[in-house]
Amino acid sequence: MTQAIEMSNSPDGQRDANLMLRRDFYREARPFLRWLVGTMQPGGFHHSWTARSIRTGLARGEVWTCDSLYSAFERYAWPVRLPVEHGMPHSGCEIRAFGETHETFSWLGRELRSAIDENNADRCLRLSNVVLEWGGVRHRPAIAKVLRSRGESLPSYLRAIRHHFARQDLSCRNPEESVVVEGELLPIGLDSGTTKIFSSVCENFATSDGRVGAALGALVARWNEEANGGDHKAIPECLRFGHWPQDKNRWRDPKPDHHPRHVYPILSEANGLRIGQNLRVNWVCRFLATAANGTGFTVFKCAAKRVRPLEAALFMVGYAVR
């Protein structure tokens, strides 16, 4: 593979051991990322699961299959009935396919960024709630609590988040957990709701949830089996992707039975762990988007437009990984 995105070695002694920036991640994860490029090709990655809920877009008991990350993307489904919102594509309708979802999510992002620029707190909150409705988490009072409680300072908070995740010096190993909003230090508060809202207002910010983490953990396990004979000691720390602590979803645990838990962590509510993994998911998707030439993902002409489809593919793979 000739595409190398910021994979240069860092000079010894010039970086704190607790920091891992994007170029360092690409360097350490290079063998896995090269292998992962092959999973975008037909026959490069076979996976299947049986639907346990109609929330998957399939009937209960129906088997979902893919033979590559691209075919996983082609079989994307997220059925949801959108609330009524003036001007929004598919307002008040049920959507499920990627095209409908992407069109709606892109509109929400544009409108949210406009509301931030206008300092319109009411519209920021209303649109944020639509994003949560789309994500199926609006009914959970603890989700996006830090955002829903901001009141008139919500545009300032979202603006600070947008500026923060546009930075090029973010560390995934020891991530910053707060932003300064109108002189006050506030938590970033990354959870299954805010990751969707932040993704709508920040460029190239992955909508990372338990499914995506489970998918990458399972892919790491498969690469390790093929490349290293299943020796978990060959998996670098930067490739320890975890899933959320949901006992009812044991099928999302990517850990092989003979591997120790710390290599495939169950992520707690600790904000830093979530932020660090979200950054790494983001970097993986951006790498694949650039390395996707010659794959089905080139139907999206530029790399920036391939990030969401790749994320959607991982989302579908991660519904069940065991």
Protein backbone atom coordinates (compact mmCIF):
# COMPACT_ATOMS: atom_id res chain seq x y z
CA MET A 1 0.00 0.00 0.00
CA THR A 2 1.48 3.30 -1.01
CA GLN A 3 -0.83 5.65 0.87
CA ALA A 4 0.85 6.68 4.10
CA ILE A 5 -0.96 9.22 6.19
CA GLU A 6 1.29 10.82 8.76
CA MET A 7 3.04 7.52 9.58
CA SER A 8 6.46 9.04 10.13
CA ASN A 9 8.42 8.06 13.21
CA SER A 10 8.54 10.53 16.07
CA PRO A 11 11.99 11.54 17.34
CA ASP A 12 12.90 9.62 20.49
CA GLY A 13 12.44 11.52 23.70
CA GLN A 14 10.39 14.32 22.18
CA ARG A 15 6.95 13.05 23.18
CA ASP A 16 5.56 12.30 26.58
CA ALA A 17 4.80 8.60 27.13
CA ASN A 18 1.21 9.46 28.03
CA LEU A 19 0.56 11.07 24.66
CA MET A 20 -0.40 9.38 21.44
CA LEU A 21 -1.14 11.68 18.55
CA ARG A 22 -2.60 10.70 15.20
CA ARG A 23 0.71 10.19 13.39
CA ASP A 24 1.98 8.01 16.26
CA PHE A 25 -1.20 5.94 16.16
CA TYR A 26 -0.80 5.34 12.41
CA ARG A 27 2.81 4.26 12.95
CA GLU A 28 2.03 1.80 15.74
CA ALA A 29 -1.14 0.48 14.11
CA ARG A 30 0.45 0.16 10.63
CA PRO A 31 0.31 -3.70 10.33
CA PHE A 32 -3.34 -3.81 11.34
CA LEU A 33 -4.32 -0.89 9.11
CA ARG A 34 -2.63 -2.47 6.10
CA TRP A 35 -4.54 -5.69 6.77
CA LEU A 36 -7.76 -3.73 7.28
CA VAL A 37 -7.51 -2.20 3.80
CA GLY A 38 -8.01 -5.71 2.39
CA THR A 39 -11.33 -6.08 4.22
CA MET A 40 -12.84 -3.43 1.96
CA GLN A 41 -12.42 -5.71 -1.08
CA PRO A 42 -15.00 -8.41 -2.04
CA GLY A 43 -14.21 -11.58 -0.11
CA GLY A 44 -11.89 -9.73 2.24
CA PHE A 45 -14.04 -10.05 5.34
CA HIS A 46 -16.86 -12.53 5.97
CA HIS A 47 -19.20 -11.89 8.86
CA SER A 48 -22.76 -12.76 9.84
CA TRP A 49 -25.22 -12.43 12.70
CA THR A 50 -28.84 -13.24 13.45
CA ALA A 51 -31.18 -10.35 14.19
CA ARG A 52 -32.55 -10.33 17.71
CA SER A 53 -34.61 -7.18 17.22
CA ILE A 54 -36.49 -5.40 14.44
CA ARG A 55 -34.38 -2.37 15.40
CA THR A 56 -31.76 -3.86 13.09
CA GLY A 57 -34.00 -3.30 10.06
CA LEU A 58 -34.36 -7.07 9.69
CA ALA A 59 -37.03 -9.41 10.95
CA ARG A 60 -36.22 -11.30 14.15
CA GLY A 61 -34.31 -14.43 13.27
CA GLU A 62 -33.19 -13.12 9.87
CA VAL A 63 -29.49 -13.60 9.10
CA TRP A 64 -27.39 -10.63 8.05
CA THR A 65 -24.19 -11.33 6.12
CA CYS A 66 -21.34 -9.45 4.44
CA ASP A 67 -18.19 -10.45 2.56
CA SER A 68 -16.39 -7.12 2.92
CA LEU A 69 -16.69 -3.81 4.68
CA TYR A 70 -18.22 -2.40 1.52
CA SER A 71 -20.95 -5.04 1.40
CA ALA A 72 -21.55 -4.32 5.11
CA PHE A 73 -22.13 -0.70 4.14
CA GLU A 74 -24.48 -1.76 1.35
CA ARG A 75 -26.57 -3.65 3.92
CA TYR A 76 -26.79 -0.72 6.34
CA ALA A 77 -30.13 -0.21 8.06
CA TRP A 78 -31.23 1.99 10.96
CA PRO A 79 -35.04 2.24 11.01
CA VAL A 80 -36.35 5.28 12.85
CA ARG A 81 -39.35 7.59 12.54
CA LEU A 82 -38.15 11.17 12.52
CA PRO A 83 -39.97 13.93 14.39
CA VAL A 84 -41.53 16.76 12.45
CA GLU A 85 -38.99 19.54 11.87
CA HIS A 86 -39.53 22.30 9.31
CA GLY A 87 -37.25 21.94 6.29
CA MET A 88 -35.69 18.65 7.37
CA PRO A 89 -35.53 15.91 4.72
CA HIS A 90 -37.94 13.06 5.49
CA SER A 91 -39.49 15.07 8.32
CA GLY A 92 -42.10 12.99 10.14
CA CYS A 93 -41.28 9.92 8.03
CA GLU A 94 -39.67 6.58 8.72
CA ILE A 95 -36.19 6.18 7.30
CA ARG A 96 -33.79 3.23 7.35
CA ALA A 97 -31.35 3.29 4.41
CA PHE A 98 -27.96 5.02 4.45
CA GLY A 99 -28.92 7.59 1.81
CA GLU A 100 -31.93 8.82 3.79
CA THR A 101 -29.99 8.78 7.04
CA HIS A 102 -27.02 10.63 5.60
CA GLU A 103 -29.19 13.25 3.92
CA THR A 104 -31.03 13.90 7.18
CA PHE A 105 -27.90 13.88 9.33
CA SER A 106 -26.09 16.25 6.95
CA TRP A 107 -29.04 18.68 7.09
CA LEU A 108 -29.06 18.53 10.90
CA GLY A 109 -25.34 19.28 10.96
CA ARG A 110 -25.69 22.30 8.69
CA GLU A 111 -28.62 23.65 10.70
CA LEU A 112 -26.89 23.07 14.02
CA ARG A 113 -23.75 24.86 12.87
CA SER A 114 -25.89 27.75 11.67
CA ALA A 115 -27.71 27.90 15.02
CA ILE A 116 -24.35 27.92 16.81
CA ASP A 117 -23.12 30.80 14.65
CA GLU A 118 -26.35 32.69 15.38
CA ASN A 119 -26.13 31.97 19.13
CA ASN A 120 -29.65 30.56 18.95
CA ALA A 121 -29.84 28.38 22.07
CA ASP A 122 -33.45 27.29 21.54
CA ARG A 123 -32.76 26.05 18.03
CA CYS A 124 -29.51 24.34 19.13
CA LEU A 125 -31.44 22.42 21.77
CA ARG A 126 -34.31 21.53 19.46
CA LEU A 127 -31.99 20.24 16.74
CA SER A 128 -29.84 18.39 19.28
CA ASN A 129 -32.98 16.64 20.50
CA VAL A 130 -33.79 15.61 16.92
CA VAL A 131 -30.31 14.06 16.66
CA LEU A 132 -30.96 12.17 19.91
CA GLU A 133 -34.34 11.06 18.57
CA TRP A 134 -32.67 9.76 15.40
CA GLY A 135 -30.14 7.92 17.57
CA GLY A 136 -32.86 6.33 19.70
CA VAL A 137 -31.56 7.79 22.97
CA ARG A 138 -33.64 10.91 23.59
CA HIS A 139 -35.79 9.10 26.20
CA ARG A 140 -32.74 8.43 28.41
CA PRO A 141 -32.43 11.36 30.87
CA ALA A 142 -28.77 10.69 31.69
CA ILE A 143 -27.70 10.80 28.03
CA ALA A 144 -26.33 14.16 26.82
CA LYS A 145 -27.14 15.60 30.24
CA VAL A 146 -24.24 18.06 30.15
CA LEU A 147 -25.51 19.40 26.83
CA ARG A 148 -29.22 19.54 27.68
CA SER A 149 -28.53 21.51 30.86
CA ARG A 150 -26.56 24.34 29.23
CA GLY A 151 -29.47 26.72 28.66
CA GLU A 152 -28.47 29.97 26.95
CA SER A 153 -24.81 28.93 26.89
CA LEU A 154 -25.49 25.89 24.68
CA PRO A 155 -24.24 27.56 21.46
CA SER A 156 -21.02 28.56 23.25
CA TYR A 157 -20.60 25.02 24.55
CA LEU A 158 -21.07 23.45 21.11
CA ARG A 159 -18.76 26.04 19.57
CA ALA A 160 -16.05 25.14 22.09
CA ILE A 161 -16.56 21.43 21.31
CA ARG A 162 -16.29 22.13 17.58
CA HIS A 163 -13.05 24.06 18.00
CA HIS A 164 -11.64 21.44 20.35
CA PHE A 165 -12.08 18.48 18.02
CA ALA A 166 -10.74 20.45 15.05
CA ARG A 167 -7.34 20.55 16.75
CA GLN A 168 -4.47 18.51 15.33
CA ASP A 169 -2.69 17.96 18.66
CA LEU A 170 -5.26 15.78 20.42
CA SER A 171 -4.00 12.74 22.30
CA CYS A 172 -5.95 9.49 22.36
CA ARG A 173 -4.01 8.03 25.29
CA ASN A 174 -4.41 10.93 27.68
CA PRO A 175 -7.22 13.02 26.15
CA GLU A 176 -8.42 16.31 27.50
CA GLU A 177 -11.79 15.85 29.18
CA SER A 178 -12.97 19.46 29.46
CA VAL A 179 -13.43 22.62 27.41
CA VAL A 180 -13.57 26.24 28.49
CA VAL A 181 -16.98 27.84 27.90
CA GLU A 182 -17.42 31.51 28.78
CA GLY A 183 -14.66 31.26 31.37
CA GLU A 184 -16.03 28.05 32.91
CA LEU A 185 -14.38 24.63 32.65
CA LEU A 186 -17.03 22.14 31.49
CA PRO A 187 -16.78 18.39 30.86
CA ILE A 188 -16.89 17.20 27.27
CA GLY A 189 -19.33 14.58 28.48
CA LEU A 190 -18.95 12.07 25.66
CA ASP A 191 -21.67 9.40 25.69
CA SER A 192 -23.93 7.60 23.21
CA GLY A 193 -25.93 10.80 22.71
CA THR A 194 -23.31 13.53 22.61
CA THR A 195 -21.10 11.53 20.23
CA LYS A 196 -23.91 11.84 17.66
CA ILE A 197 -24.43 15.55 18.31
CA PHE A 198 -20.71 16.30 18.24
CA SER A 199 -20.42 14.30 15.03
CA SER A 200 -23.08 16.45 13.40
CA VAL A 201 -21.25 19.72 14.18
CA CYS A 202 -17.59 18.60 13.91
CA GLU A 203 -15.91 17.64 10.66
CA ASN A 204 -14.63 14.05 10.50
CA PHE A 205 -15.82 13.21 14.02
CA ALA A 206 -16.96 9.58 14.20
CA THR A 207 -20.35 8.71 15.63
CA SER A 208 -18.73 6.07 17.80
CA ASP A 209 -20.94 3.77 19.84
CA GLY A 210 -20.74 0.28 21.28
CA ARG A 211 -21.32 -1.33 17.89
CA VAL A 212 -18.39 0.42 16.23
CA GLY A 213 -16.05 -0.40 19.12
CA ALA A 214 -17.17 -4.03 19.04
CA ALA A 215 -16.58 -4.22 15.28
CA LEU A 216 -13.05 -2.85 15.50
CA GLY A 217 -12.26 -5.09 18.46
CA ALA A 218 -13.43 -8.12 16.46
CA LEU A 219 -11.40 -7.04 13.43
CA VAL A 220 -8.30 -6.64 15.59
CA ALA A 221 -8.87 -10.16 16.96
CA ARG A 222 -9.19 -11.57 13.45
CA TRP A 223 -6.08 -9.75 12.22
CA ASN A 224 -4.15 -10.96 15.26
CA GLU A 225 -5.21 -14.54 14.63
CA GLU A 226 -4.09 -14.37 11.00
CA ALA A 227 -0.91 -12.36 11.51
CA ASN A 228 0.30 -13.49 14.93
CA GLY A 229 -1.32 -16.87 15.52
CA GLY A 230 -3.62 -15.35 18.13
CA ASP A 231 -0.84 -14.13 20.43
CA HIS A 232 -2.53 -11.29 22.29
CA LYS A 233 0.87 -9.88 23.32
CA ALA A 234 1.37 -8.84 19.69
CA ILE A 235 -1.61 -6.45 19.88
CA PRO A 236 -0.34 -2.91 20.59
CA GLU A 237 -2.11 -0.85 23.23
CA CYS A 238 -3.45 1.54 20.61
CA LEU A 239 -5.56 -1.30 19.13
CA ARG A 240 -7.42 -2.12 22.34
CA PHE A 241 -10.96 -1.32 21.21
CA GLY A 242 -13.72 -1.91 23.73
CA HIS A 243 -17.49 -1.96 23.94
CA TRP A 244 -19.93 -0.51 26.46
CA PRO A 245 -20.95 -2.41 29.62
CA GLN A 246 -24.29 -3.83 28.49
CA ASP A 247 -24.83 -7.30 29.93
CA LYS A 248 -27.80 -7.95 27.66
CA ASN A 249 -25.51 -7.47 24.64
CA ARG A 250 -22.84 -10.07 25.42
CA TRP A 251 -22.80 -10.85 21.73
CA ARG A 252 -21.00 -7.53 21.23
CA ASP A 253 -18.00 -8.58 23.30
CA PRO A 254 -15.12 -9.02 20.80
CA LYS A 255 -12.75 -10.72 23.28
CA PRO A 256 -11.67 -14.23 22.26
CA ASP A 257 -12.13 -16.65 25.15
CA HIS A 258 -8.38 -17.21 25.59
CA HIS A 259 -7.44 -13.51 25.66
CA PRO A 260 -7.23 -11.32 28.79
CA ARG A 261 -9.94 -8.73 29.35
CA HIS A 262 -7.64 -5.69 29.34
CA VAL A 263 -6.89 -6.19 25.62
CA TYR A 264 -10.61 -5.83 24.79
CA PRO A 265 -11.79 -3.57 27.61
CA ILE A 266 -15.35 -3.03 28.69
CA LEU A 267 -15.41 0.75 28.72
CA SER A 268 -16.72 2.35 31.88
CA GLU A 269 -18.40 5.72 32.06
CA ALA A 270 -14.96 7.30 32.42
CA ASN A 271 -15.00 10.17 29.99
CA GLY A 272 -11.35 9.92 28.98
CA LEU A 273 -11.65 6.30 27.86
CA ARG A 274 -14.55 7.12 25.58
CA ILE A 275 -12.89 10.19 24.13
CA GLY A 276 -9.65 8.30 23.46
CA GLN A 277 -11.45 5.48 21.70
CA ASN A 278 -13.57 7.91 19.70
CA LEU A 279 -10.43 9.62 18.43
CA ARG A 280 -8.92 6.28 17.39
CA VAL A 281 -12.13 5.23 15.62
CA ASN A 282 -12.06 8.54 13.82
CA TRP A 283 -8.44 8.04 12.74
CA VAL A 284 -9.11 4.50 11.50
CA CYS A 285 -12.05 5.68 9.38
CA ARG A 286 -10.03 8.56 7.95
CA PHE A 287 -7.17 6.23 7.08
CA LEU A 288 -9.48 3.77 5.33
CA ALA A 289 -11.23 6.59 3.50
CA THR A 290 -7.93 7.65 1.96
CA ALA A 291 -6.81 4.08 1.26
CA ALA A 292 -10.12 3.07 -0.35
CA ASN A 293 -9.11 3.66 -3.99
CA GLY A 294 -10.00 0.62 -6.06
CA THR A 295 -12.75 -0.46 -3.67
CA GLY A 296 -16.50 0.03 -3.80
CA PHE A 297 -16.16 3.08 -1.57
CA THR A 298 -14.81 5.07 -4.52
CA VAL A 299 -18.44 5.66 -5.53
CA PHE A 300 -17.88 8.50 -3.09
CA LYS A 301 -15.48 10.64 -5.10
CA CYS A 302 -13.43 12.21 -2.31
CA ALA A 303 -12.01 10.67 0.84
CA ALA A 304 -13.92 13.00 3.16
CA LYS A 305 -17.23 11.62 1.86
CA ARG A 306 -16.18 8.02 2.58
CA VAL A 307 -15.84 8.41 6.34
CA ARG A 308 -19.57 8.10 7.07
CA PRO A 309 -20.09 5.04 4.84
CA LEU A 310 -17.12 3.31 6.50
CA GLU A 311 -18.51 4.18 9.89
CA ALA A 312 -21.88 2.78 8.79
CA ALA A 313 -20.19 -0.47 7.72
CA LEU A 314 -18.56 -0.87 11.14
CA PHE A 315 -21.87 -0.07 12.79
CA MET A 316 -23.54 -2.96 10.99
CA VAL A 317 -20.70 -5.41 11.65
CA GLY A 318 -20.77 -4.58 15.35
CA TYR A 319 -24.37 -5.53 15.98
CA ALA A 320 -23.05 -8.95 16.98
CA VAL A 321 -19.47 -10.20 16.87
CA ARG A 322 -19.81 -13.57 18.64
